[in-house]
């Protein structure tokens, strides 16, 4: 089964890519989403545009109902 990716920039944080039904796949902003945020797909990449080196890229290790963003190593 093929799923369509939708690429766009909107809101705060800026949503860059979503997958229908699965949620947000990529986003960016100055503050990472709270670990209980909803709508972020498992594996979502968040780019913190205001972070120090070593804490710029985060990955959602939670799911769409309760995000758990951690620094991607």
PDB file of N, CA and C in Angstrom:
ATOM      1  N   UNK A   1       0.836  -1.171   0.000  1.00  0.00           N
ATOM      2  CA  UNK A   1       0.000   0.000   0.000  1.00  0.00           C
ATOM      3  C   UNK A   1       0.885   1.239   0.000  1.00  0.00           C
ATOM      4  N   UNK A   2       0.605   2.160  -0.863  1.00  0.00           N
ATOM      5  CA  UNK A   2       1.379   3.380  -0.986  1.00  0.00           C
ATOM      6  C   UNK A   2       0.699   4.502  -0.218  1.00  0.00           C
ATOM      7  N   UNK A   3       1.513   5.300   0.487  1.00  0.00           N
ATOM      8  CA  UNK A   3       0.991   6.459   1.203  1.00  0.00           C
ATOM      9  C   UNK A   3       1.625   7.710   0.618  1.00  0.00           C
ATOM     10  N   UNK A   4       0.859   8.769   0.536  1.00  0.00           N
ATOM     11  CA  UNK A   4       1.325  10.020  -0.032  1.00  0.00           C
ATOM     12  C   UNK A   4       1.938  10.891   1.053  1.00  0.00           C
ATOM     13  N   UNK A   5       3.106  11.467   0.771  1.00  0.00           N
ATOM     14  CA  UNK A   5       3.718  12.440   1.668  1.00  0.00           C
ATOM     15  C   UNK A   5       3.240  13.825   1.259  1.00  0.00           C
ATOM     16  N   UNK A   6       2.921  14.646   2.229  1.00  0.00           N
ATOM     17  CA  UNK A   6       2.526  16.019   1.965  1.00  0.00           C
ATOM     18  C   UNK A   6       3.586  16.924   2.554  1.00  0.00           C
ATOM     19  N   UNK A   7       4.230  17.726   1.712  1.00  0.00           N
ATOM     20  CA  UNK A   7       5.258  18.641   2.195  1.00  0.00           C
ATOM     21  C   UNK A   7       4.702  20.062   2.186  1.00  0.00           C
ATOM     22  N   UNK A   8       4.870  20.750   3.306  1.00  0.00           N
ATOM     23  CA  UNK A   8       4.406  22.123   3.428  1.00  0.00           C
ATOM     24  C   UNK A   8       5.067  22.763   4.633  1.00  0.00           C
ATOM     25  N   UNK A   9       4.956  24.051   4.733  1.00  0.00           N
ATOM     26  CA  UNK A   9       5.462  24.771   5.894  1.00  0.00           C
ATOM     27  C   UNK A   9       4.299  25.575   6.460  1.00  0.00           C
ATOM     28  N   UNK A  10       3.937  25.283   7.708  1.00  0.00           N
ATOM     29  CA  UNK A  10       2.838  26.023   8.319  1.00  0.00           C
ATOM     30  C   UNK A  10       2.939  25.974   9.830  1.00  0.00           C
ATOM     31  N   UNK A  11       2.352  26.964  10.476  1.00  0.00           N
ATOM     32  CA  UNK A  11       2.210  26.968  11.925  1.00  0.00           C
ATOM     33  C   UNK A  11       3.495  27.137  12.713  1.00  0.00           C
ATOM     34  N   UNK A  12       3.343  27.026  14.033  1.00  0.00           N
ATOM     35  CA  UNK A  12       4.456  27.079  14.970  1.00  0.00           C
ATOM     36  C   UNK A  12       4.288  25.927  15.943  1.00  0.00           C
ATOM     37  N   UNK A  13       5.127  24.929  16.000  1.00  0.00           N
ATOM     38  CA  UNK A  13       6.292  24.805  15.131  1.00  0.00           C
ATOM     39  C   UNK A  13       5.872  24.602  13.677  1.00  0.00           C
ATOM     40  N   UNK A  14       6.808  24.832  12.776  1.00  0.00           N
ATOM     41  CA  UNK A  14       6.507  24.664  11.361  1.00  0.00           C
ATOM     42  C   UNK A  14       6.457  23.186  11.022  1.00  0.00           C
ATOM     43  N   UNK A  15       5.338  22.755  10.453  1.00  0.00           N
ATOM     44  CA  UNK A  15       5.164  21.378  10.026  1.00  0.00           C
ATOM     45  C   UNK A  15       5.697  21.291   8.600  1.00  0.00           C
ATOM     46  N   UNK A  16       6.703  20.460   8.380  1.00  0.00           N
ATOM     47  CA  UNK A  16       7.327  20.369   7.072  1.00  0.00           C
ATOM     48  C   UNK A  16       6.797  19.212   6.241  1.00  0.00           C
ATOM     49  N   UNK A  17       6.414  18.104   6.910  1.00  0.00           N
ATOM     50  CA  UNK A  17       5.968  16.934   6.173  1.00  0.00           C
ATOM     51  C   UNK A  17       5.006  16.114   7.026  1.00  0.00           C
ATOM     52  N   UNK A  18       3.932  15.636   6.414  1.00  0.00           N
ATOM     53  CA  UNK A  18       2.995  14.764   7.112  1.00  0.00           C
ATOM     54  C   UNK A  18       2.701  13.532   6.258  1.00  0.00           C
ATOM     55  N   UNK A  19       2.274  12.477   6.918  1.00  0.00           N
ATOM     56  CA  UNK A  19       1.805  11.280   6.239  1.00  0.00           C
ATOM     57  C   UNK A  19       0.349  11.111   6.651  1.00  0.00           C
ATOM     58  N   UNK A  20      -0.561  11.065   5.673  1.00  0.00           N
ATOM     59  CA  UNK A  20      -1.973  10.904   6.026  1.00  0.00           C
ATOM     60  C   UNK A  20      -2.175   9.716   6.965  1.00  0.00           C
ATOM     61  N   UNK A  21      -2.999   9.880   7.948  1.00  0.00           N
ATOM     62  CA  UNK A  21      -3.369   8.902   8.972  1.00  0.00           C
ATOM     63  C   UNK A  21      -2.263   8.708  10.015  1.00  0.00           C
ATOM     64  N   UNK A  22      -0.986   8.741   9.621  1.00  0.00           N
ATOM     65  CA  UNK A  22       0.114   8.489  10.559  1.00  0.00           C
ATOM     66  C   UNK A  22       0.556   9.725  11.321  1.00  0.00           C
ATOM     67  N   UNK A  23       0.426  10.921  10.729  1.00  0.00           N
ATOM     68  CA  UNK A  23       0.765  12.146  11.431  1.00  0.00           C
ATOM     69  C   UNK A  23       1.951  12.903  10.868  1.00  0.00           C
ATOM     70  N   UNK A  24       2.473  13.802  11.691  1.00  0.00           N
ATOM     71  CA  UNK A  24       3.582  14.678  11.306  1.00  0.00           C
ATOM     72  C   UNK A  24       4.873  13.862  11.262  1.00  0.00           C
ATOM     73  N   UNK A  25       5.590  13.954  10.138  1.00  0.00           N
ATOM     74  CA  UNK A  25       6.838  13.204   9.974  1.00  0.00           C
ATOM     75  C   UNK A  25       8.068  14.081  10.185  1.00  0.00           C
ATOM     76  N   UNK A  26       7.947  15.407   9.893  1.00  0.00           N
ATOM     77  CA  UNK A  26       9.082  16.311  10.079  1.00  0.00           C
ATOM     78  C   UNK A  26       8.571  17.700  10.435  1.00  0.00           C
ATOM     79  N   UNK A  27       9.231  18.317  11.427  1.00  0.00           N
ATOM     80  CA  UNK A  27       8.854  19.664  11.859  1.00  0.00           C
ATOM     81  C   UNK A  27      10.094  20.404  12.335  1.00  0.00           C
ATOM     82  N   UNK A  28       9.982  21.720  12.457  1.00  0.00           N
ATOM     83  CA  UNK A  28      11.094  22.538  12.953  1.00  0.00           C
ATOM     84  C   UNK A  28      10.537  23.690  13.759  1.00  0.00           C
ATOM     85  N   UNK A  29      11.355  24.224  14.662  1.00  0.00           N
ATOM     86  CA  UNK A  29      10.944  25.359  15.473  1.00  0.00           C
ATOM     87  C   UNK A  29      11.994  25.667  16.521  1.00  0.00           C
ATOM     88  N   UNK A  30      11.706  26.644  17.379  1.00  0.00           N
ATOM     89  CA  UNK A  30      12.678  27.059  18.387  1.00  0.00           C
ATOM     90  C   UNK A  30      12.548  26.290  19.700  1.00  0.00           C
ATOM     91  N   UNK A  31      11.489  25.521  19.851  1.00  0.00           N
ATOM     92  CA  UNK A  31      11.293  24.707  21.053  1.00  0.00           C
ATOM     93  C   UNK A  31      10.709  23.365  20.653  1.00  0.00           C
ATOM     94  N   UNK A  32      11.335  22.273  21.088  1.00  0.00           N
ATOM     95  CA  UNK A  32      10.806  20.949  20.729  1.00  0.00           C
ATOM     96  C   UNK A  32       9.443  20.748  21.372  1.00  0.00           C
ATOM     97  N   UNK A  33       8.565  19.985  20.728  1.00  0.00           N
ATOM     98  CA  UNK A  33       7.237  19.732  21.287  1.00  0.00           C
ATOM     99  C   UNK A  33       7.332  19.016  22.639  1.00  0.00           C
ATOM    100  N   UNK A  34       6.345  19.253  23.481  1.00  0.00           N
ATOM    101  CA  UNK A  34       6.279  18.573  24.772  1.00  0.00           C
ATOM    102  C   UNK A  34       6.184  17.066  24.557  1.00  0.00           C
ATOM    103  N   UNK A  35       6.691  16.301  25.512  1.00  0.00           N
ATOM    104  CA  UNK A  35       6.690  14.851  25.375  1.00  0.00           C
ATOM    105  C   UNK A  35       5.299  14.231  25.404  1.00  0.00           C
ATOM    106  N   UNK A  36       4.273  15.007  25.646  1.00  0.00           N
ATOM    107  CA  UNK A  36       2.915  14.477  25.599  1.00  0.00           C
ATOM    108  C   UNK A  36       2.133  15.028  24.411  1.00  0.00           C
ATOM    109  N   UNK A  37       2.821  15.752  23.517  1.00  0.00           N
ATOM    110  CA  UNK A  37       2.155  16.343  22.349  1.00  0.00           C
ATOM    111  C   UNK A  37       1.529  15.265  21.479  1.00  0.00           C
ATOM    112  N   UNK A  38       0.482  15.627  20.772  1.00  0.00           N
ATOM    113  CA  UNK A  38      -0.197  14.672  19.902  1.00  0.00           C
ATOM    114  C   UNK A  38      -0.008  15.047  18.433  1.00  0.00           C
ATOM    115  N   UNK A  39      -0.180  14.056  17.563  1.00  0.00           N
ATOM    116  CA  UNK A  39      -0.138  14.283  16.126  1.00  0.00           C
ATOM    117  C   UNK A  39       1.197  14.006  15.469  1.00  0.00           C
ATOM    118  N   UNK A  40       2.237  13.709  16.248  1.00  0.00           N
ATOM    119  CA  UNK A  40       3.562  13.444  15.695  1.00  0.00           C
ATOM    120  C   UNK A  40       3.743  11.946  15.492  1.00  0.00           C
ATOM    121  N   UNK A  41       4.071  11.532  14.283  1.00  0.00           N
ATOM    122  CA  UNK A  41       4.253  10.118  13.960  1.00  0.00           C
ATOM    123  C   UNK A  41       5.445   9.539  14.709  1.00  0.00           C
ATOM    124  N   UNK A  42       5.396   8.253  14.977  1.00  0.00           N
ATOM    125  CA  UNK A  42       6.555   7.562  15.552  1.00  0.00           C
ATOM    126  C   UNK A  42       7.712   7.736  14.577  1.00  0.00           C
ATOM    127  N   UNK A  43       8.870   8.183  15.057  1.00  0.00           N
ATOM    128  CA  UNK A  43      10.021   8.434  14.204  1.00  0.00           C
ATOM    129  C   UNK A  43      10.078   9.840  13.640  1.00  0.00           C
ATOM    130  N   UNK A  44       9.123  10.693  13.991  1.00  0.00           N
ATOM    131  CA  UNK A  44       9.114  12.079  13.520  1.00  0.00           C
ATOM    132  C   UNK A  44      10.433  12.754  13.880  1.00  0.00           C
ATOM    133  N   UNK A  45      10.962  13.527  12.949  1.00  0.00           N
ATOM    134  CA  UNK A  45      12.186  14.287  13.187  1.00  0.00           C
ATOM    135  C   UNK A  45      11.796  15.731  13.489  1.00  0.00           C
ATOM    136  N   UNK A  46      12.327  16.250  14.590  1.00  0.00           N
ATOM    137  CA  UNK A  46      12.120  17.655  14.931  1.00  0.00           C
ATOM    138  C   UNK A  46      13.474  18.343  14.932  1.00  0.00           C
ATOM    139  N   UNK A  47      13.590  19.476  14.226  1.00  0.00           N
ATOM    140  CA  UNK A  47      14.819  20.252  14.143  1.00  0.00           C
ATOM    141  C   UNK A  47      14.633  21.506  14.989  1.00  0.00           C
ATOM    142  N   UNK A  48      15.443  21.628  16.046  1.00  0.00           N
ATOM    143  CA  UNK A  48      15.384  22.791  16.933  1.00  0.00           C
ATOM    144  C   UNK A  48      16.306  23.854  16.361  1.00  0.00           C
ATOM    145  N   UNK A  49      15.718  24.909  15.823  1.00  0.00           N
ATOM    146  CA  UNK A  49      16.493  25.946  15.143  1.00  0.00           C
ATOM    147  C   UNK A  49      17.160  26.931  16.090  1.00  0.00           C
ATOM    148  N   UNK A  50      16.948  26.769  17.389  1.00  0.00           N
ATOM    149  CA  UNK A  50      17.495  27.696  18.378  1.00  0.00           C
ATOM    150  C   UNK A  50      18.336  26.955  19.425  1.00  0.00           C
ATOM    151  N   UNK A  51      18.819  25.767  19.081  1.00  0.00           N
ATOM    152  CA  UNK A  51      19.507  24.928  20.057  1.00  0.00           C
ATOM    153  C   UNK A  51      21.026  24.995  19.912  1.00  0.00           C
ATOM    154  N   UNK A  52      21.697  24.596  20.978  1.00  0.00           N
ATOM    155  CA  UNK A  52      23.152  24.503  20.962  1.00  0.00           C
ATOM    156  C   UNK A  52      23.565  23.207  20.264  1.00  0.00           C
ATOM    157  N   UNK A  53      24.810  23.150  19.842  1.00  0.00           N
ATOM    158  CA  UNK A  53      25.325  21.939  19.201  1.00  0.00           C
ATOM    159  C   UNK A  53      25.083  20.730  20.091  1.00  0.00           C
ATOM    160  N   UNK A  54      24.700  19.619  19.483  1.00  0.00           N
ATOM    161  CA  UNK A  54      24.442  18.400  20.234  1.00  0.00           C
ATOM    162  C   UNK A  54      22.998  18.234  20.654  1.00  0.00           C
ATOM    163  N   UNK A  55      22.180  19.257  20.438  1.00  0.00           N
ATOM    164  CA  UNK A  55      20.759  19.150  20.796  1.00  0.00           C
ATOM    165  C   UNK A  55      19.888  19.835  19.748  1.00  0.00           C
ATOM    166  N   UNK A  56      20.197  19.577  18.482  1.00  0.00           N
ATOM    167  CA  UNK A  56      19.470  20.183  17.375  1.00  0.00           C
ATOM    168  C   UNK A  56      18.438  19.223  16.790  1.00  0.00           C
ATOM    169  N   UNK A  57      18.801  17.941  16.657  1.00  0.00           N
ATOM    170  CA  UNK A  57      17.916  16.952  16.048  1.00  0.00           C
ATOM    171  C   UNK A  57      17.280  16.066  17.110  1.00  0.00           C
ATOM    172  N   UNK A  58      15.963  15.955  17.045  1.00  0.00           N
ATOM    173  CA  UNK A  58      15.212  15.109  17.978  1.00  0.00           C
ATOM    174  C   UNK A  58      14.390  14.111  17.180  1.00  0.00           C
ATOM    175  N   UNK A  59      14.134  12.948  17.762  1.00  0.00           N
ATOM    176  CA  UNK A  59      13.285  11.948  17.129  1.00  0.00           C
ATOM    177  C   UNK A  59      12.191  11.539  18.117  1.00  0.00           C
ATOM    178  N   UNK A  60      10.974  11.349  17.594  1.00  0.00           N
ATOM    179  CA  UNK A  60       9.858  10.933  18.437  1.00  0.00           C
ATOM    180  C   UNK A  60       9.926   9.429  18.648  1.00  0.00           C
ATOM    181  N   UNK A  61      10.169   9.019  19.870  1.00  0.00           N
ATOM    182  CA  UNK A  61      10.198   7.606  20.220  1.00  0.00           C
ATOM    183  C   UNK A  61       8.875   7.169  20.834  1.00  0.00           C
ATOM    184  N   UNK A  62       7.928   8.104  20.910  1.00  0.00           N
ATOM    185  CA  UNK A  62       6.583   7.786  21.378  1.00  0.00           C
ATOM    186  C   UNK A  62       5.694   7.456  20.192  1.00  0.00           C
ATOM    187  N   UNK A  63       4.449   7.881  20.250  1.00  0.00           N
ATOM    188  CA  UNK A  63       3.519   7.637  19.147  1.00  0.00           C
ATOM    189  C   UNK A  63       2.653   8.868  18.923  1.00  0.00           C
ATOM    190  N   UNK A  64       1.649   8.757  18.055  1.00  0.00           N
ATOM    191  CA  UNK A  64       0.845   9.930  17.704  1.00  0.00           C
ATOM    192  C   UNK A  64      -0.015  10.448  18.852  1.00  0.00           C
ATOM    193  N   UNK A  65      -0.297   9.616  19.840  1.00  0.00           N
ATOM    194  CA  UNK A  65      -1.129  10.074  20.957  1.00  0.00           C
ATOM    195  C   UNK A  65      -0.319  10.627  22.115  1.00  0.00           C
ATOM    196  N   UNK A  66       0.980  10.320  22.168  1.00  0.00           N
ATOM    197  CA  UNK A  66       1.843  10.822  23.232  1.00  0.00           C
ATOM    198  C   UNK A  66       3.289  10.802  22.760  1.00  0.00           C
ATOM    199  N   UNK A  67       3.758  11.950  22.267  1.00  0.00           N
ATOM    200  CA  UNK A  67       5.123  12.047  21.756  1.00  0.00           C
ATOM    201  C   UNK A  67       6.148  11.868  22.871  1.00  0.00           C
ATOM    202  N   UNK A  68       7.334  11.433  22.487  1.00  0.00           N
ATOM    203  CA  UNK A  68       8.476  11.320  23.415  1.00  0.00           C
ATOM    204  C   UNK A  68       9.720  11.681  22.602  1.00  0.00           C
ATOM    205  N   UNK A  69       9.990  12.980  22.477  1.00  0.00           N
ATOM    206  CA  UNK A  69      11.106  13.457  21.682  1.00  0.00           C
ATOM    207  C   UNK A  69      12.413  13.370  22.471  1.00  0.00           C
ATOM    208  N   UNK A  70      13.395  12.723  21.854  1.00  0.00           N
ATOM    209  CA  UNK A  70      14.724  12.578  22.459  1.00  0.00           C
ATOM    210  C   UNK A  70      15.781  12.979  21.447  1.00  0.00           C
ATOM    211  N   UNK A  71      16.938  13.432  21.938  1.00  0.00           N
ATOM    212  CA  UNK A  71      18.039  13.823  21.063  1.00  0.00           C
ATOM    213  C   UNK A  71      18.434  12.626  20.207  1.00  0.00           C
ATOM    214  N   UNK A  72      18.531  12.853  18.908  1.00  0.00           N
ATOM    215  CA  UNK A  72      18.963  11.804  17.978  1.00  0.00           C
ATOM    216  C   UNK A  72      20.484  11.765  17.996  1.00  0.00           C
ATOM    217  N   UNK A  73      21.037  10.617  18.222  1.00  0.00           N
ATOM    218  CA  UNK A  73      22.501  10.492  18.300  1.00  0.00           C
ATOM    219  C   UNK A  73      23.096  10.146  16.974  1.00  0.00           C
TER     220      UNK A  73
END
